[in-house]
C-alpha atoms as a PDB file:
ATOM      1  CA  MET A   1      13.748  -9.086  24.678  1.00  0.00           C
ATOM      2  CA  SER A   2      12.358 -12.143  25.661  1.00  0.00           C
ATOM      3  CA  GLU A   3      11.582 -15.480  23.581  1.00  0.00           C
ATOM      4  CA  LEU A   4       7.690 -14.625  24.332  1.00  0.00           C
ATOM      5  CA  GLU A   5       7.658 -10.764  23.369  1.00  0.00           C
ATOM      6  CA  ALA A   6       9.329 -11.906  20.175  1.00  0.00           C
ATOM      7  CA  GLN A   7       6.505 -14.722  19.601  1.00  0.00           C
ATOM      8  CA  ALA A   8       4.136 -11.732  19.954  1.00  0.00           C
ATOM      9  CA  TYR A   9       5.846  -9.305  17.538  1.00  0.00           C
ATOM     10  CA  ALA A  10       6.025 -12.003  14.590  1.00  0.00           C
ATOM     11  CA  VAL A  11       2.178 -12.997  15.369  1.00  0.00           C
ATOM     12  CA  LEU A  12       1.467  -9.109  15.513  1.00  0.00           C
ATOM     13  CA  ALA A  13       3.427  -8.122  12.490  1.00  0.00           C
ATOM     14  CA  THR A  14       1.721 -11.745  10.651  1.00  0.00           C
ATOM     15  CA  LEU A  15      -1.447 -10.164  11.620  1.00  0.00           C
ATOM     16  CA  ALA A  16      -0.710  -6.689  10.159  1.00  0.00           C
ATOM     17  CA  VAL A  17       0.456  -8.089   6.611  1.00  0.00           C
ATOM     18  CA  ALA A  18      -2.560 -10.276   6.410  1.00  0.00           C
ATOM     19  CA  LEU A  19      -4.727  -7.520   7.322  1.00  0.00           C
ATOM     20  CA  LEU A  20      -3.175  -5.279   4.559  1.00  0.00           C
ATOM     21  CA  VAL A  21      -3.438  -8.011   2.204  1.00  0.00           C
ATOM     22  CA  VAL A  22      -7.362  -8.423   3.062  1.00  0.00           C
ATOM     23  CA  VAL A  23      -7.631  -4.563   2.308  1.00  0.00           C
ATOM     24  CA  THR A  24      -5.932  -4.339  -0.772  1.00  0.00           C
ATOM     25  CA  VAL A  25      -7.743  -7.269  -2.344  1.00  0.00           C
ATOM     26  CA  GLY A  26     -11.268  -5.676  -1.166  1.00  0.00           C
ATOM     27  CA  VAL A  27     -10.231  -2.342  -2.752  1.00  0.00           C
ATOM     28  CA  ILE A  28      -9.219  -4.217  -5.935  1.00  0.00           C
ATOM     29  CA  TYR A  29     -12.605  -5.839  -6.132  1.00  0.00           C
ATOM     30  CA  LEU A  30     -14.583  -2.792  -5.200  1.00  0.00           C
ATOM     31  CA  THR A  31     -13.041  -1.301  -7.931  1.00  0.00           C
ATOM     32  CA  ALA A  32     -13.137  -4.059 -10.497  1.00  0.00           C
ATOM     33  CA  MET A  33     -17.047  -4.278  -9.721  1.00  0.00           C
ATOM     34  CA  GLU A  34     -17.465  -0.394  -9.944  1.00  0.00           C
ATOM     35  CA  TRP A  35     -15.679  -0.497 -13.234  1.00  0.00           C
ATOM     36  CA  GLN A  36     -17.923  -3.350 -14.680  1.00  0.00           C
ATOM     37  CA  ASP A  37     -20.680  -1.551 -13.219  1.00  0.00           C
ATOM     38  CA  LYS A  38     -19.940   1.998 -14.987  1.00  0.00           C
ATOM     39  CA  ARG A  39     -19.413  -0.525 -18.415  1.00  0.00           C
ATOM     40  CA  LYS A  40     -22.950  -2.155 -17.912  1.00  0.00           C
ATOM     41  CA  ARG A  41     -24.548   1.085 -17.431  1.00  0.00           C
ATOM     42  CA  SER A  42     -22.831   3.003 -20.294  1.00  0.00           C
ATOM     43  CA  GLN A  43     -24.202  -0.105 -22.562  1.00  0.00           C
ATOM     44  CA  GLU A  44     -27.588  -0.083 -21.600  1.00  0.00           C
ATOM     45  CA  ALA A  45     -27.790   4.344 -22.148  1.00  0.00           C
ATOM     46  CA  LEU A  46     -26.756   3.501 -25.577  1.00  0.00           C
ATOM     47  CA  ASP A  47     -29.094   0.316 -25.922  1.00  0.00           C
ATOM     48  CA  ASN A  48     -32.028   2.836 -24.826  1.00  0.00           C
ATOM     49  CA  ARG A  49     -30.999   5.748 -27.263  1.00  0.00           C
ATOM     50  CA  VAL A  50     -33.857   6.833 -29.424  1.00  0.00           C
ATOM     51  CA  PRO A  51     -32.905   6.474 -33.191  1.00  0.00           C
ATOM     52  CA  VAL A  52     -33.067  10.354 -34.263  1.00  0.00           C
ATOM     53  CA  ARG A  53     -35.495   9.498 -36.953  1.00  0.00           C
ATOM     54  CA  LYS A  54     -37.777   8.515 -34.204  1.00  0.00           C
ATOM     55  CA  ARG A  55     -37.131  11.633 -31.522  1.00  0.00           C
ATOM     56  CA  LYS A  56     -40.625  13.674 -31.233  1.00  0.00           C
ATOM     57  CA  GLY A  57     -40.081  17.627 -31.938  1.00  0.00           C
ATOM     58  CA  LYS A  58     -37.424  18.282 -33.687  1.00  0.00           C
ATOM     59  CA  LYS A  59     -37.467  18.392 -37.133  1.00  0.00           C
END
């Protein structure tokens, strides 16, 4: 294997690791944002509930 081939493989391996890190960080970020949004929607649903005393139609 020539010196040029070894350098090419080293560059490709480095790029592969960098791409893996970027994708992993992206997945973690999207998962965290989805979790945060789900918590926010859940809290909004609780805040928008109608108290039992004010519901219409039930006695």
